[in-house]
Amino acid sequence: MRAATNQLAEDLAKLEALGHPATDQEILKTLAALAALFQVAVPDQDGLELYVAALRKLPRPALREARDWLVLHHKWPRLPYPADFIEAGKDSADRLALYTKVVRQMRAKCFRALTMLR
């Protein structure tokens, strides 16, 4: 039981690390890559700040999933809007939040069981 609790603690730490928001550099690199792909200009400084502020809310895996989805499905000759990224990454962000919640609950149950066994 103690080994299971320790494994769940490790898994939880990994999930929480995945849940950290994308860095500004990752967001800017993603925007630059998509601008090059769609052959459009990157927004000016004010526009970039708004993009970064909006996309900071996405966990790293959700930003990557959104980027990959937009590469395949975005059809307009413009940079995808922040809402496009958020919508495309929502399932990934939701899955990550659910997995984290489930592992937290499992860990809590293991702790309770260990406490009862003492």
Protein backbone atom coordinates (compact mmCIF):
# COMPACT_ATOMS: atom_id res chain seq x y z
CA MET A 1 0.00 0.00 0.00
CA ARG A 2 2.85 2.35 0.84
CA ALA A 3 4.44 1.67 -2.56
CA ALA A 4 1.15 2.48 -4.29
CA THR A 5 0.86 5.72 -2.33
CA ASN A 6 4.41 6.68 -3.29
CA GLN A 7 3.75 5.88 -6.95
CA LEU A 8 0.59 7.98 -6.88
CA ALA A 9 2.56 10.85 -5.35
CA GLU A 10 5.08 10.64 -8.21
CA ASP A 11 2.31 10.44 -10.79
CA LEU A 12 0.55 13.41 -9.24
CA ALA A 13 3.76 15.48 -9.33
CA LYS A 14 4.18 14.67 -13.04
CA LEU A 15 0.57 15.56 -13.82
CA GLU A 16 0.84 18.82 -11.91
CA ALA A 17 4.03 19.68 -13.82
CA LEU A 18 2.17 19.04 -17.09
CA GLY A 19 -0.57 21.35 -15.88
CA HIS A 20 1.76 24.35 -15.66
CA PRO A 21 0.89 27.03 -18.18
CA ALA A 22 2.88 27.40 -21.35
CA THR A 23 5.73 29.90 -21.04
CA ASP A 24 5.75 33.18 -22.90
CA GLN A 25 8.60 31.85 -25.05
CA GLU A 26 6.61 28.73 -25.99
CA ILE A 27 3.60 30.85 -26.88
CA LEU A 28 5.64 33.29 -28.97
CA LYS A 29 7.43 30.43 -30.75
CA THR A 30 4.06 28.82 -31.52
CA LEU A 31 2.63 32.08 -32.87
CA ALA A 32 5.71 32.71 -35.02
CA ALA A 33 5.57 29.19 -36.45
CA LEU A 34 1.87 29.48 -37.28
CA ALA A 35 2.35 32.93 -38.80
CA ALA A 36 5.07 31.49 -41.04
CA LEU A 37 2.90 28.51 -41.96
CA PHE A 38 -0.12 30.63 -42.84
CA GLN A 39 2.10 33.31 -44.42
CA VAL A 40 0.72 36.12 -42.28
CA ALA A 41 2.29 38.76 -40.07
CA VAL A 42 2.69 38.35 -36.34
CA PRO A 43 0.70 41.01 -34.44
CA ASP A 44 2.43 44.11 -33.13
CA GLN A 45 3.64 44.31 -29.52
CA ASP A 46 0.21 45.13 -28.08
CA GLY A 47 -1.41 42.31 -30.02
CA LEU A 48 1.28 39.85 -28.95
CA GLU A 49 0.80 40.83 -25.31
CA LEU A 50 -2.92 40.07 -25.61
CA TYR A 51 -2.24 36.71 -27.27
CA VAL A 52 0.28 35.76 -24.59
CA ALA A 53 -2.01 36.86 -21.75
CA ALA A 54 -4.88 34.77 -23.14
CA LEU A 55 -2.80 31.69 -23.99
CA ARG A 56 -0.95 31.62 -20.65
CA LYS A 57 -4.06 29.96 -19.27
CA LEU A 58 -3.47 26.84 -21.37
CA PRO A 59 -1.33 24.04 -19.97
CA ARG A 60 1.63 23.13 -22.17
CA PRO A 61 0.08 19.94 -23.59
CA ALA A 62 -3.12 21.83 -24.42
CA LEU A 63 -1.17 24.51 -26.30
CA ARG A 64 0.66 21.81 -28.28
CA GLU A 65 -2.58 20.00 -29.06
CA ALA A 66 -4.22 23.28 -30.11
CA ARG A 67 -1.25 24.11 -32.35
CA ASP A 68 -1.35 20.68 -33.98
CA TRP A 69 -5.11 20.86 -34.52
CA LEU A 70 -4.90 24.37 -35.99
CA VAL A 71 -2.11 23.32 -38.36
CA LEU A 72 -4.44 20.69 -39.80
CA HIS A 73 -7.79 22.48 -39.67
CA HIS A 74 -7.36 26.28 -39.74
CA LYS A 75 -8.53 27.50 -43.17
CA TRP A 76 -8.42 31.28 -43.11
CA PRO A 77 -5.53 33.51 -44.23
CA ARG A 78 -4.98 34.98 -40.76
CA LEU A 79 -3.35 33.99 -37.51
CA PRO A 80 -5.79 31.96 -35.39
CA TYR A 81 -7.38 34.02 -32.64
CA PRO A 82 -6.71 33.21 -28.97
CA ALA A 83 -10.23 31.76 -28.76
CA ASP A 84 -9.31 29.34 -31.57
CA PHE A 85 -6.36 28.06 -29.52
CA ILE A 86 -8.42 27.81 -26.34
CA GLU A 87 -11.21 25.93 -28.08
CA ALA A 88 -8.78 23.57 -29.85
CA GLY A 89 -6.90 22.86 -26.60
CA LYS A 90 -9.94 22.57 -24.33
CA ASP A 91 -10.28 18.78 -24.51
CA SER A 92 -6.62 18.30 -23.64
CA ALA A 93 -6.81 20.76 -20.74
CA ASP A 94 -10.00 19.13 -19.46
CA ARG A 95 -8.49 15.62 -19.67
CA LEU A 96 -5.39 16.75 -17.80
CA ALA A 97 -7.52 18.33 -15.06
CA LEU A 98 -9.63 15.18 -14.77
CA TYR A 99 -6.59 12.87 -14.58
CA THR A 100 -5.04 15.09 -11.92
CA LYS A 101 -8.27 15.05 -9.90
CA VAL A 102 -8.58 11.26 -10.13
CA VAL A 103 -4.98 10.67 -9.05
CA ARG A 104 -5.44 13.10 -6.13
CA GLN A 105 -8.53 11.18 -5.04
CA MET A 106 -6.76 7.83 -5.35
CA ARG A 107 -3.83 9.14 -3.32
CA ALA A 108 -6.18 10.42 -0.61
CA LYS A 109 -7.89 7.02 -0.44
CA CYS A 110 -4.53 5.29 -0.07
CA PHE A 111 -3.56 7.66 2.75
CA ARG A 112 -6.87 6.99 4.50
CA ALA A 113 -6.39 3.24 4.11
CA LEU A 114 -2.85 3.45 5.49
CA THR A 115 -4.11 5.47 8.44
CA MET A 116 -6.81 2.91 9.17
CA LEU A 117 -4.28 0.04 9.03
CA ARG A 118 -2.04 1.63 11.67
